[in-house]
Amino acid sequence: MARVVFTANLKRHIDCPPAEADGGTVREALEAVFRGNERLRGYVLDDQSALRRHMAVVVDGRPLRDRVHLSDPIAPTSAIYVLQALSGG
């Protein structure tokens, strides 16, 4: 199962412990995690089920390419990191 990890800055706002999830895409893995935490789903995804602008996902060290459908493929050994995108200067 893929490992889904939420960064510490997210944990300050919402309960999101690391989780193990089955799936062949980022969407499938995240939806498996969200089944037990609908509030987290609303924080990470918008009302169209796309990744919110202020969020970022890194899969096996690479930024998520498909922010709308979350169709990037994952392996059973993948590490998926979900974090808040930072901006400013």
Protein backbone atom coordinates (compact mmCIF):
# COMPACT_ATOMS: atom_id res chain seq x y z
CA MET A 1 0.00 0.00 0.00
CA ALA A 2 1.13 3.54 -0.71
CA ARG A 3 1.99 5.72 2.27
CA VAL A 4 0.16 9.06 2.49
CA VAL A 5 1.80 11.64 4.74
CA PHE A 6 0.47 15.06 5.67
CA THR A 7 2.99 17.69 6.74
CA ALA A 8 3.11 19.18 10.22
CA ASN A 9 1.69 22.54 9.12
CA LEU A 10 -1.51 20.76 8.02
CA LYS A 11 -1.74 18.89 11.32
CA ARG A 12 -2.05 22.24 13.09
CA HIS A 13 -5.36 22.83 11.29
CA ILE A 14 -6.89 19.39 10.89
CA ASP A 15 -6.50 15.83 12.14
CA CYS A 16 -4.50 14.02 9.45
CA PRO A 17 -2.28 11.20 10.66
CA PRO A 18 -0.16 9.28 8.13
CA ALA A 19 -2.10 6.54 6.39
CA GLU A 20 -1.64 3.53 4.13
CA ALA A 21 -3.90 3.39 1.07
CA ASP A 22 -4.50 1.16 -1.93
CA GLY A 23 -4.87 2.56 -5.41
CA GLY A 24 -3.28 2.96 -8.79
CA THR A 25 -3.52 6.77 -8.90
CA VAL A 26 -3.11 9.64 -6.48
CA ARG A 27 -6.89 10.18 -6.55
CA GLU A 28 -7.63 6.58 -5.56
CA ALA A 29 -5.17 6.70 -2.67
CA LEU A 30 -6.40 10.06 -1.40
CA GLU A 31 -10.06 9.06 -1.67
CA ALA A 32 -9.29 5.98 0.43
CA VAL A 33 -7.82 8.24 3.13
CA PHE A 34 -10.67 10.76 2.87
CA ARG A 35 -13.32 8.07 3.47
CA GLY A 36 -12.48 8.24 7.14
CA ASN A 37 -11.99 12.01 7.26
CA GLU A 38 -14.42 14.11 5.19
CA ARG A 39 -13.18 17.34 6.79
CA LEU A 40 -9.68 16.62 5.48
CA ARG A 41 -11.11 16.05 1.99
CA GLY A 42 -12.67 19.51 2.04
CA TYR A 43 -9.41 21.06 3.13
CA VAL A 44 -7.33 19.38 0.39
CA LEU A 45 -9.81 19.30 -2.53
CA ASP A 46 -12.15 21.98 -3.83
CA ASP A 47 -15.86 21.55 -4.67
CA GLN A 48 -14.89 20.16 -8.11
CA SER A 49 -12.65 17.53 -6.45
CA ALA A 50 -9.50 19.18 -7.83
CA LEU A 51 -6.51 19.97 -5.65
CA ARG A 52 -6.97 23.36 -3.97
CA ARG A 53 -4.60 26.12 -5.07
CA HIS A 54 -2.96 26.37 -1.67
CA MET A 55 -2.16 22.65 -1.59
CA ALA A 56 0.72 20.68 -3.13
CA VAL A 57 1.26 16.95 -3.55
CA VAL A 58 4.60 15.24 -4.06
CA VAL A 59 4.72 11.61 -5.21
CA ASP A 60 7.99 9.75 -4.82
CA GLY A 61 9.88 13.05 -4.78
CA ARG A 62 8.12 14.56 -7.82
CA PRO A 63 5.44 17.26 -7.88
CA LEU A 64 1.95 16.16 -8.89
CA ARG A 65 1.37 16.82 -12.60
CA ASP A 66 -2.41 16.46 -12.79
CA ARG A 67 -3.91 18.82 -10.20
CA VAL A 68 -7.43 18.47 -11.63
CA HIS A 69 -8.00 14.72 -11.97
CA LEU A 70 -5.13 13.55 -9.70
CA SER A 71 -4.45 10.82 -12.25
CA ASP A 72 -0.69 10.54 -11.64
CA PRO A 73 0.10 6.83 -11.25
CA ILE A 74 1.41 5.40 -8.00
CA ALA A 75 2.96 2.10 -6.99
CA PRO A 76 2.25 0.07 -3.85
CA THR A 77 5.55 1.38 -2.48
CA SER A 78 4.88 5.05 -3.31
CA ALA A 79 5.22 7.85 -0.79
CA ILE A 80 2.63 10.61 -1.23
CA TYR A 81 3.21 13.86 0.66
CA VAL A 82 0.39 16.39 0.97
CA LEU A 83 1.40 19.89 2.05
CA GLN A 84 0.29 23.47 1.97
CA ALA A 85 1.93 25.40 -0.86
CA LEU A 86 3.91 28.38 0.38
CA SER A 87 4.10 31.74 -1.33
CA GLY A 88 5.24 35.21 -0.54
CA GLY A 89 8.50 37.01 -0.63
